[in-house]
Amino acid sequence: MAAVPQRSPLRYPGGKTWLVPHIREWLRGGCRLLAEPFAGGAIVSLTAVMDGLAERAVMVEIDRDVAAFWRAALDHGDELIERLLAFDVSRENVERIERTPPATVVDHGFRTLVLNRTRRGGVLAPGASLTKHGENGNGVGSRWYPDTLATRLREIVAHRDRLAFFEGDGVGMLEALAQQPGARLFVDPPYTAAGGKRAGSRLYAHSEVSHRRIFEALAGGTADFLLTYDHSDEVLALAREHDFNVAAVEMKNGHHARIDELVITRGRLFN
């Protein structure tokens, strides 16, 4: 993990930095197009383009706050960087941004970045609370690194001609992209188990998707894909039904507990 560059300015619940070494193996040899229909922090798209593993990347996100951040970063990156470097991170200033409706896409994108970096766990869903103590007792500013975040944004600006962003339904976009010749699909949907309480419902504003529809789109398409999910009987049954390969990969969650995450592919990725 120490060798994995932190490309995204966003802290994202369920982020996939831990998976980047496997993504590099999956994309070895490169591809024309990498699509990420549930982009979130978009670490896979950023890695694929910045490491030269994909000529272009398409990111899709339905959450309007996250979408505003990506539109601001890609279309108004220099202005967003200026706002970032000039911001005095204090609880008072963060709360002011939190309660002030954004007037422009830059306002909205900056608001998303501020709240993502100052709320507990980076959660943007309604009801999320601001960090109280944070690292070394630094409170809301404990994850606010302006110079580091500005560097990440400058890298995004430098590669924006190879990054496309669309706000909308990831499943619908997936169904279209699954038929795209030469495309690779990284699919990391939010997950809420049927009949059970899962993290997705409290971490994301949009946590309900049709998992069967995702599997059917991938099975009916020609594009290569890498699909990740929580370890669950529901997902294992869908993978078996569609004759996909499944590997359980150990990772650490936000509480540093070791858990298994499922990595599902059309062909075998792990020996």
C-alpha atoms as a PDB file:
ATOM      1  CA  MET A   1       0.000   0.000   0.000  1.00  0.00           C
ATOM      2  CA  ALA A   2       2.884   2.378   0.684  1.00  0.00           C
ATOM      3  CA  ALA A   3       3.778   2.130  -3.024  1.00  0.00           C
ATOM      4  CA  VAL A   4       0.274   3.182  -4.126  1.00  0.00           C
ATOM      5  CA  PRO A   5       0.072   6.930  -4.896  1.00  0.00           C
ATOM      6  CA  GLN A   6      -2.941   8.687  -3.365  1.00  0.00           C
ATOM      7  CA  ARG A   7      -4.460  10.179  -6.522  1.00  0.00           C
ATOM      8  CA  SER A   8      -7.906  11.270  -5.359  1.00  0.00           C
ATOM      9  CA  PRO A   9      -8.537  14.380  -3.248  1.00  0.00           C
ATOM     10  CA  LEU A  10     -11.629  12.690  -1.796  1.00  0.00           C
ATOM     11  CA  ARG A  11     -11.751  10.381   1.202  1.00  0.00           C
ATOM     12  CA  TYR A  12     -14.348   7.868   0.175  1.00  0.00           C
ATOM     13  CA  PRO A  13     -16.190   5.238   2.259  1.00  0.00           C
ATOM     14  CA  GLY A  14     -15.375   1.925   0.635  1.00  0.00           C
ATOM     15  CA  GLY A  15     -12.503   3.465  -1.332  1.00  0.00           C
ATOM     16  CA  LYS A  16     -10.411   1.087  -3.415  1.00  0.00           C
ATOM     17  CA  THR A  17      -6.811   2.230  -2.875  1.00  0.00           C
ATOM     18  CA  TRP A  18      -6.118  -1.228  -1.379  1.00  0.00           C
ATOM     19  CA  LEU A  19      -7.141  -2.805  -4.702  1.00  0.00           C
ATOM     20  CA  VAL A  20      -4.824  -0.715  -6.911  1.00  0.00           C
ATOM     21  CA  PRO A  21      -2.045  -3.380  -7.173  1.00  0.00           C
ATOM     22  CA  HIS A  22      -4.641  -5.860  -8.472  1.00  0.00           C
ATOM     23  CA  ILE A  23      -6.066  -3.224 -10.823  1.00  0.00           C
ATOM     24  CA  ARG A  24      -2.604  -2.705 -12.288  1.00  0.00           C
ATOM     25  CA  GLU A  25      -2.312  -6.449 -12.884  1.00  0.00           C
ATOM     26  CA  TRP A  26      -5.772  -6.557 -14.460  1.00  0.00           C
ATOM     27  CA  LEU A  27      -4.943  -3.644 -16.793  1.00  0.00           C
ATOM     28  CA  ARG A  28      -1.429  -4.830 -17.626  1.00  0.00           C
ATOM     29  CA  GLY A  29      -0.870  -4.250 -21.327  1.00  0.00           C
ATOM     30  CA  GLY A  30      -3.187  -1.262 -21.319  1.00  0.00           C
ATOM     31  CA  CYS A  31      -6.623  -0.589 -22.756  1.00  0.00           C
ATOM     32  CA  ARG A  32      -8.320   1.997 -24.921  1.00  0.00           C
ATOM     33  CA  LEU A  33     -11.059   2.881 -22.442  1.00  0.00           C
ATOM     34  CA  LEU A  34     -11.525   2.325 -18.708  1.00  0.00           C
ATOM     35  CA  ALA A  35     -15.048   3.019 -17.445  1.00  0.00           C
ATOM     36  CA  GLU A  36     -16.028   3.442 -13.789  1.00  0.00           C
ATOM     37  CA  PRO A  37     -19.852   3.630 -13.558  1.00  0.00           C
ATOM     38  CA  PHE A  38     -19.892   4.127  -9.758  1.00  0.00           C
ATOM     39  CA  ALA A  39     -16.970   6.526  -9.601  1.00  0.00           C
ATOM     40  CA  GLY A  40     -17.043   7.936  -6.053  1.00  0.00           C
ATOM     41  CA  GLY A  41     -13.459   8.976  -5.346  1.00  0.00           C
ATOM     42  CA  ALA A  42     -12.472   7.581  -8.794  1.00  0.00           C
ATOM     43  CA  ILE A  43      -9.138   6.159  -7.632  1.00  0.00           C
ATOM     44  CA  VAL A  44      -9.232   3.469 -10.334  1.00  0.00           C
ATOM     45  CA  SER A  45      -9.905   5.885 -13.204  1.00  0.00           C
ATOM     46  CA  LEU A  46      -7.214   8.274 -11.989  1.00  0.00           C
ATOM     47  CA  THR A  47      -4.690   5.456 -11.554  1.00  0.00           C
ATOM     48  CA  ALA A  48      -5.439   3.943 -14.957  1.00  0.00           C
ATOM     49  CA  VAL A  49      -4.927   7.241 -16.805  1.00  0.00           C
ATOM     50  CA  MET A  50      -2.030   8.612 -14.750  1.00  0.00           C
ATOM     51  CA  ASP A  51      -0.133   5.307 -14.839  1.00  0.00           C
ATOM     52  CA  GLY A  52      -0.621   4.965 -18.601  1.00  0.00           C
ATOM     53  CA  LEU A  53      -2.804   1.852 -18.256  1.00  0.00           C
ATOM     54  CA  ALA A  54      -5.754   3.373 -20.147  1.00  0.00           C
ATOM     55  CA  GLU A  55      -5.845   5.880 -22.976  1.00  0.00           C
ATOM     56  CA  ARG A  56      -9.029   7.426 -21.572  1.00  0.00           C
ATOM     57  CA  ALA A  57     -11.333   6.970 -18.602  1.00  0.00           C
ATOM     58  CA  VAL A  58     -15.051   7.602 -18.242  1.00  0.00           C
ATOM     59  CA  MET A  59     -16.341   8.284 -14.720  1.00  0.00           C
ATOM     60  CA  VAL A  60     -20.031   8.192 -13.830  1.00  0.00           C
ATOM     61  CA  GLU A  61     -21.579   9.236 -10.514  1.00  0.00           C
ATOM     62  CA  ILE A  62     -25.215   9.822  -9.524  1.00  0.00           C
ATOM     63  CA  ASP A  63     -24.572  11.623  -6.232  1.00  0.00           C
ATOM     64  CA  ARG A  64     -25.022  15.331  -6.995  1.00  0.00           C
ATOM     65  CA  ASP A  65     -22.464  16.485  -4.414  1.00  0.00           C
ATOM     66  CA  VAL A  66     -19.747  14.143  -5.658  1.00  0.00           C
ATOM     67  CA  ALA A  67     -20.684  14.972  -9.248  1.00  0.00           C
ATOM     68  CA  ALA A  68     -20.279  18.679  -8.506  1.00  0.00           C
ATOM     69  CA  PHE A  69     -16.776  18.040  -7.195  1.00  0.00           C
ATOM     70  CA  TRP A  70     -15.711  16.219 -10.364  1.00  0.00           C
ATOM     71  CA  ARG A  71     -17.228  18.872 -12.631  1.00  0.00           C
ATOM     72  CA  ALA A  72     -15.422  21.580 -10.668  1.00  0.00           C
ATOM     73  CA  ALA A  73     -12.121  19.657 -10.663  1.00  0.00           C
ATOM     74  CA  LEU A  74     -12.200  18.918 -14.393  1.00  0.00           C
ATOM     75  CA  ASP A  75     -13.747  22.146 -15.707  1.00  0.00           C
ATOM     76  CA  HIS A  76     -12.613  24.733 -13.134  1.00  0.00           C
ATOM     77  CA  GLY A  77      -9.582  23.085 -11.554  1.00  0.00           C
ATOM     78  CA  ASP A  78      -7.426  26.200 -11.205  1.00  0.00           C
ATOM     79  CA  GLU A  79     -10.210  28.123  -9.453  1.00  0.00           C
ATOM     80  CA  LEU A  80     -10.883  25.168  -7.155  1.00  0.00           C
ATOM     81  CA  ILE A  81      -7.196  25.039  -6.210  1.00  0.00           C
ATOM     82  CA  GLU A  82      -7.204  28.772  -5.392  1.00  0.00           C
ATOM     83  CA  ARG A  83     -10.216  28.299  -3.105  1.00  0.00           C
ATOM     84  CA  LEU A  84      -8.560  25.320  -1.425  1.00  0.00           C
ATOM     85  CA  LEU A  85      -5.299  27.109  -0.695  1.00  0.00           C
ATOM     86  CA  ALA A  86      -7.045  30.232   0.615  1.00  0.00           C
ATOM     87  CA  PHE A  87      -9.434  28.391   2.969  1.00  0.00           C
ATOM     88  CA  ASP A  88      -8.957  28.763   6.717  1.00  0.00           C
ATOM     89  CA  VAL A  89     -10.139  25.412   8.057  1.00  0.00           C
ATOM     90  CA  SER A  90     -11.956  26.044  11.326  1.00  0.00           C
ATOM     91  CA  ARG A  91     -15.140  24.562  12.700  1.00  0.00           C
ATOM     92  CA  GLU A  92     -16.882  27.909  12.261  1.00  0.00           C
ATOM     93  CA  ASN A  93     -15.876  28.192   8.593  1.00  0.00           C
ATOM     94  CA  VAL A  94     -16.758  24.581   7.859  1.00  0.00           C
ATOM     95  CA  GLU A  95     -20.182  24.958   9.468  1.00  0.00           C
ATOM     96  CA  ARG A  96     -20.758  28.134   7.443  1.00  0.00           C
ATOM     97  CA  ILE A  97     -20.030  26.255   4.213  1.00  0.00           C
ATOM     98  CA  GLU A  98     -22.190  23.368   5.393  1.00  0.00           C
ATOM     99  CA  ARG A  99     -25.286  25.553   5.824  1.00  0.00           C
ATOM    100  CA  THR A 100     -24.773  27.864   2.807  1.00  0.00           C
ATOM    101  CA  PRO A 101     -26.424  26.708  -0.438  1.00  0.00           C
ATOM    102  CA  PRO A 102     -23.812  26.755  -3.241  1.00  0.00           C
ATOM    103  CA  ALA A 103     -24.408  29.294  -6.008  1.00  0.00           C
ATOM    104  CA  THR A 104     -21.989  27.932  -8.643  1.00  0.00           C
ATOM    105  CA  VAL A 105     -20.478  24.585  -9.595  1.00  0.00           C
ATOM    106  CA  VAL A 106     -17.191  25.686  -8.023  1.00  0.00           C
ATOM    107  CA  ASP A 107     -19.014  26.594  -4.792  1.00  0.00           C
ATOM    108  CA  HIS A 108     -20.681  23.191  -4.828  1.00  0.00           C
ATOM    109  CA  GLY A 109     -17.524  21.259  -5.679  1.00  0.00           C
ATOM    110  CA  PHE A 110     -15.545  23.089  -3.007  1.00  0.00           C
ATOM    111  CA  ARG A 111     -18.304  22.463  -0.457  1.00  0.00           C
ATOM    112  CA  THR A 112     -18.118  18.736  -1.260  1.00  0.00           C
ATOM    113  CA  LEU A 113     -14.340  18.709  -0.818  1.00  0.00           C
ATOM    114  CA  VAL A 114     -14.481  20.597   2.493  1.00  0.00           C
ATOM    115  CA  LEU A 115     -17.202  18.398   3.987  1.00  0.00           C
ATOM    116  CA  ASN A 116     -15.568  15.218   2.706  1.00  0.00           C
ATOM    117  CA  ARG A 117     -12.263  16.125   4.345  1.00  0.00           C
ATOM    118  CA  THR A 118     -13.786  17.353   7.626  1.00  0.00           C
ATOM    119  CA  ARG A 119     -16.608  14.902   8.338  1.00  0.00           C
ATOM    120  CA  ARG A 120     -16.046  11.641  10.168  1.00  0.00           C
ATOM    121  CA  GLY A 121     -14.911   8.997   7.696  1.00  0.00           C
ATOM    122  CA  GLY A 122     -15.428  11.361   4.759  1.00  0.00           C
ATOM    123  CA  VAL A 123     -19.161  10.548   4.761  1.00  0.00           C
ATOM    124  CA  LEU A 124     -21.282  12.951   2.690  1.00  0.00           C
ATOM    125  CA  ALA A 125     -24.678  11.351   3.342  1.00  0.00           C
ATOM    126  CA  PRO A 126     -27.299  13.430   5.185  1.00  0.00           C
ATOM    127  CA  GLY A 127     -26.823  13.409   8.948  1.00  0.00           C
ATOM    128  CA  ALA A 128     -23.061  12.811   8.892  1.00  0.00           C
ATOM    129  CA  SER A 129     -21.193  14.608  11.669  1.00  0.00           C
ATOM    130  CA  LEU A 130     -18.035  16.707  11.602  1.00  0.00           C
ATOM    131  CA  THR A 131     -14.834  15.283  13.032  1.00  0.00           C
ATOM    132  CA  LYS A 132     -14.515  16.205  16.713  1.00  0.00           C
ATOM    133  CA  HIS A 133     -11.008  15.204  17.758  1.00  0.00           C
ATOM    134  CA  GLY A 134      -9.311  13.793  14.658  1.00  0.00           C
ATOM    135  CA  GLU A 135      -5.624  13.003  14.332  1.00  0.00           C
ATOM    136  CA  ASN A 136      -3.511  14.362  17.198  1.00  0.00           C
ATOM    137  CA  GLY A 137      -6.507  16.335  18.456  1.00  0.00           C
ATOM    138  CA  ASN A 138      -6.548  18.591  15.387  1.00  0.00           C
ATOM    139  CA  GLY A 139     -10.347  18.412  15.042  1.00  0.00           C
ATOM    140  CA  VAL A 140     -11.983  19.264  11.739  1.00  0.00           C
ATOM    141  CA  GLY A 141      -8.644  20.178  10.183  1.00  0.00           C
ATOM    142  CA  SER A 142      -6.937  16.869  10.908  1.00  0.00           C
ATOM    143  CA  ARG A 143      -7.480  15.586   7.337  1.00  0.00           C
ATOM    144  CA  TRP A 144      -7.161  18.971   5.617  1.00  0.00           C
ATOM    145  CA  TYR A 145      -3.798  19.023   3.809  1.00  0.00           C
ATOM    146  CA  PRO A 146      -4.052  21.975   1.401  1.00  0.00           C
ATOM    147  CA  ASP A 147      -0.683  21.580  -0.323  1.00  0.00           C
ATOM    148  CA  THR A 148      -1.153  17.834  -0.808  1.00  0.00           C
ATOM    149  CA  LEU A 149      -4.718  18.237  -2.051  1.00  0.00           C
ATOM    150  CA  ALA A 150      -3.650  21.016  -4.412  1.00  0.00           C
ATOM    151  CA  THR A 151      -0.965  18.735  -5.861  1.00  0.00           C
ATOM    152  CA  ARG A 152      -3.540  16.012  -6.484  1.00  0.00           C
ATOM    153  CA  LEU A 153      -5.862  18.497  -8.156  1.00  0.00           C
ATOM    154  CA  ARG A 154      -3.070  19.807 -10.388  1.00  0.00           C
ATOM    155  CA  GLU A 155      -2.420  16.237 -11.550  1.00  0.00           C
ATOM    156  CA  ILE A 156      -6.099  15.842 -12.368  1.00  0.00           C
ATOM    157  CA  VAL A 157      -6.059  19.121 -14.303  1.00  0.00           C
ATOM    158  CA  ALA A 158      -2.984  17.944 -16.209  1.00  0.00           C
ATOM    159  CA  HIS A 159      -4.822  14.778 -17.322  1.00  0.00           C
ATOM    160  CA  ARG A 160      -8.314  16.199 -17.790  1.00  0.00           C
ATOM    161  CA  ASP A 161      -8.243  15.793 -21.575  1.00  0.00           C
ATOM    162  CA  ARG A 162      -8.213  12.023 -20.956  1.00  0.00           C
ATOM    163  CA  LEU A 163     -10.863  12.030 -18.199  1.00  0.00           C
ATOM    164  CA  ALA A 164     -14.572  12.324 -18.985  1.00  0.00           C
ATOM    165  CA  PHE A 165     -17.235  12.703 -16.322  1.00  0.00           C
ATOM    166  CA  PHE A 166     -21.002  12.138 -16.528  1.00  0.00           C
ATOM    167  CA  GLU A 167     -23.553  12.661 -13.796  1.00  0.00           C
ATOM    168  CA  GLY A 168     -26.230   9.986 -13.906  1.00  0.00           C
ATOM    169  CA  ASP A 169     -27.297   6.388 -13.434  1.00  0.00           C
ATOM    170  CA  GLY A 170     -24.289   4.085 -13.250  1.00  0.00           C
ATOM    171  CA  VAL A 171     -26.305   0.957 -14.064  1.00  0.00           C
ATOM    172  CA  GLY A 172     -27.730   2.506 -17.215  1.00  0.00           C
ATOM    173  CA  MET A 173     -24.286   3.639 -18.330  1.00  0.00           C
ATOM    174  CA  LEU A 174     -22.909   0.189 -17.521  1.00  0.00           C
ATOM    175  CA  GLU A 175     -25.466  -1.460 -19.803  1.00  0.00           C
ATOM    176  CA  ALA A 176     -24.317   0.752 -22.678  1.00  0.00           C
ATOM    177  CA  LEU A 177     -20.580   0.465 -22.003  1.00  0.00           C
ATOM    178  CA  ALA A 178     -20.688  -3.319 -21.597  1.00  0.00           C
ATOM    179  CA  GLN A 179     -21.035  -3.557 -25.386  1.00  0.00           C
ATOM    180  CA  GLN A 180     -18.176  -1.126 -26.109  1.00  0.00           C
ATOM    181  CA  PRO A 181     -15.334  -2.847 -28.011  1.00  0.00           C
ATOM    182  CA  GLY A 182     -11.996  -2.602 -26.227  1.00  0.00           C
ATOM    183  CA  ALA A 183     -13.464  -1.229 -22.986  1.00  0.00           C
ATOM    184  CA  ARG A 184     -12.603  -2.365 -19.471  1.00  0.00           C
ATOM    185  CA  LEU A 185     -15.199  -1.848 -16.740  1.00  0.00           C
ATOM    186  CA  PHE A 186     -14.368  -1.340 -13.080  1.00  0.00           C
ATOM    187  CA  VAL A 187     -17.650  -1.790 -11.211  1.00  0.00           C
ATOM    188  CA  ASP A 188     -17.844  -0.993  -7.495  1.00  0.00           C
ATOM    189  CA  PRO A 189     -21.542  -0.502  -6.660  1.00  0.00           C
ATOM    190  CA  PRO A 190     -22.866   0.503  -3.251  1.00  0.00           C
ATOM    191  CA  TYR A 191     -24.217  -2.561  -1.508  1.00  0.00           C
ATOM    192  CA  THR A 192     -27.148  -3.047   0.840  1.00  0.00           C
ATOM    193  CA  ALA A 193     -28.047  -6.668   1.540  1.00  0.00           C
ATOM    194  CA  ALA A 194     -31.621  -7.728   0.973  1.00  0.00           C
ATOM    195  CA  GLY A 195     -33.448  -7.678   4.275  1.00  0.00           C
ATOM    196  CA  GLY A 196     -30.371  -6.618   6.219  1.00  0.00           C
ATOM    197  CA  LYS A 197     -28.696  -3.483   7.508  1.00  0.00           C
ATOM    198  CA  ARG A 198     -25.480  -2.767   5.645  1.00  0.00           C
ATOM    199  CA  ALA A 199     -23.100   0.180   5.618  1.00  0.00           C
ATOM    200  CA  GLY A 200     -24.230   1.383   2.197  1.00  0.00           C
ATOM    201  CA  SER A 201     -27.496   2.788   3.507  1.00  0.00           C
ATOM    202  CA  ARG A 202     -25.778   5.160   5.937  1.00  0.00           C
ATOM    203  CA  LEU A 203     -22.591   5.962   3.989  1.00  0.00           C
ATOM    204  CA  TYR A 204     -24.111   6.939   0.645  1.00  0.00           C
ATOM    205  CA  ALA A 205     -27.050   9.124  -0.385  1.00  0.00           C
ATOM    206  CA  HIS A 206     -27.725   6.626  -3.215  1.00  0.00           C
ATOM    207  CA  SER A 207     -27.272   3.099  -1.855  1.00  0.00           C
ATOM    208  CA  GLU A 208     -30.007   1.114  -3.620  1.00  0.00           C
ATOM    209  CA  VAL A 209     -29.182  -0.453  -6.985  1.00  0.00           C
ATOM    210  CA  SER A 210     -30.374  -3.549  -8.843  1.00  0.00           C
ATOM    211  CA  HIS A 211     -27.555  -6.030  -8.334  1.00  0.00           C
ATOM    212  CA  ARG A 212     -29.166  -8.566 -10.664  1.00  0.00           C
ATOM    213  CA  ARG A 213     -29.314  -5.922 -13.389  1.00  0.00           C
ATOM    214  CA  ILE A 214     -25.584  -5.265 -12.939  1.00  0.00           C
ATOM    215  CA  PHE A 215     -24.729  -8.966 -13.285  1.00  0.00           C
ATOM    216  CA  GLU A 216     -26.991  -9.390 -16.300  1.00  0.00           C
ATOM    217  CA  ALA A 217     -25.454  -6.369 -18.049  1.00  0.00           C
ATOM    218  CA  LEU A 218     -21.937  -7.718 -17.527  1.00  0.00           C
ATOM    219  CA  ALA A 219     -22.896 -11.256 -18.573  1.00  0.00           C
ATOM    220  CA  GLY A 220     -24.618  -9.999 -21.721  1.00  0.00           C
ATOM    221  CA  GLY A 221     -21.789  -7.681 -22.738  1.00  0.00           C
ATOM    222  CA  THR A 222     -18.428  -8.246 -24.374  1.00  0.00           C
ATOM    223  CA  ALA A 223     -16.293  -5.874 -22.295  1.00  0.00           C
ATOM    224  CA  ASP A 224     -13.856  -7.230 -19.749  1.00  0.00           C
ATOM    225  CA  PHE A 225     -14.713  -6.236 -16.188  1.00  0.00           C
ATOM    226  CA  LEU A 226     -13.617  -6.282 -12.565  1.00  0.00           C
ATOM    227  CA  LEU A 227     -16.490  -6.170 -10.087  1.00  0.00           C
ATOM    228  CA  THR A 228     -16.113  -5.702  -6.324  1.00  0.00           C
ATOM    229  CA  TYR A 229     -18.618  -6.392  -3.566  1.00  0.00           C
ATOM    230  CA  ASP A 230     -19.038  -7.053   0.121  1.00  0.00           C
ATOM    231  CA  HIS A 231     -18.724 -10.763   0.901  1.00  0.00           C
ATOM    232  CA  SER A 232     -22.316 -12.013   0.945  1.00  0.00           C
ATOM    233  CA  ASP A 233     -24.376 -15.069   0.019  1.00  0.00           C
ATOM    234  CA  GLU A 234     -26.550 -12.949  -2.301  1.00  0.00           C
ATOM    235  CA  VAL A 235     -23.575 -11.829  -4.389  1.00  0.00           C
ATOM    236  CA  LEU A 236     -21.960 -15.286  -4.426  1.00  0.00           C
ATOM    237  CA  ALA A 237     -25.217 -16.757  -5.733  1.00  0.00           C
ATOM    238  CA  LEU A 238     -25.377 -14.182  -8.537  1.00  0.00           C
ATOM    239  CA  ALA A 239     -21.747 -14.860  -9.475  1.00  0.00           C
ATOM    240  CA  ARG A 240     -22.360 -18.619  -9.608  1.00  0.00           C
ATOM    241  CA  GLU A 241     -25.526 -18.132 -11.655  1.00  0.00           C
ATOM    242  CA  HIS A 242     -23.571 -16.185 -14.283  1.00  0.00           C
ATOM    243  CA  ASP A 243     -20.489 -18.436 -14.153  1.00  0.00           C
ATOM    244  CA  PHE A 244     -18.119 -15.654 -13.094  1.00  0.00           C
ATOM    245  CA  ASN A 245     -14.814 -16.146 -11.287  1.00  0.00           C
ATOM    246  CA  VAL A 246     -14.784 -15.052  -7.638  1.00  0.00           C
ATOM    247  CA  ALA A 247     -11.832 -14.367  -5.327  1.00  0.00           C
ATOM    248  CA  ALA A 248     -11.980 -13.199  -1.706  1.00  0.00           C
ATOM    249  CA  VAL A 249      -9.330 -10.555  -1.023  1.00  0.00           C
ATOM    250  CA  GLU A 250      -8.503  -9.537   2.533  1.00  0.00           C
ATOM    251  CA  MET A 251      -8.502  -5.811   3.248  1.00  0.00           C
ATOM    252  CA  LYS A 252      -8.800  -3.456   6.229  1.00  0.00           C
ATOM    253  CA  ASN A 253     -11.947  -1.436   6.747  1.00  0.00           C
ATOM    254  CA  GLY A 254     -12.200   2.034   8.273  1.00  0.00           C
ATOM    255  CA  HIS A 255     -11.960   0.529  11.761  1.00  0.00           C
ATOM    256  CA  HIS A 256      -8.786  -1.403  10.811  1.00  0.00           C
ATOM    257  CA  ALA A 257     -10.600  -4.733  11.029  1.00  0.00           C
ATOM    258  CA  ARG A 258      -9.578  -7.329   8.446  1.00  0.00           C
ATOM    259  CA  ILE A 259     -12.482  -8.356   6.229  1.00  0.00           C
ATOM    260  CA  ASP A 260     -12.898 -10.167   2.929  1.00  0.00           C
ATOM    261  CA  GLU A 261     -14.037  -8.327  -0.157  1.00  0.00           C
ATOM    262  CA  LEU A 262     -15.153 -10.193  -3.268  1.00  0.00           C
ATOM    263  CA  VAL A 263     -13.405  -9.532  -6.580  1.00  0.00           C
ATOM    264  CA  ILE A 264     -15.451 -10.904  -9.471  1.00  0.00           C
ATOM    265  CA  THR A 265     -14.190 -11.238 -13.051  1.00  0.00           C
ATOM    266  CA  ARG A 266     -15.103 -12.950 -16.303  1.00  0.00           C
ATOM    267  CA  GLY A 267     -11.710 -14.676 -16.544  1.00  0.00           C
ATOM    268  CA  ARG A 268      -9.415 -15.770 -13.740  1.00  0.00           C
ATOM    269  CA  LEU A 269      -7.381 -12.878 -12.313  1.00  0.00           C
ATOM    270  CA  PHE A 270      -5.828 -14.568  -9.286  1.00  0.00           C
ATOM    271  CA  ASN A 271      -3.863 -17.801  -9.371  1.00  0.00           C
END
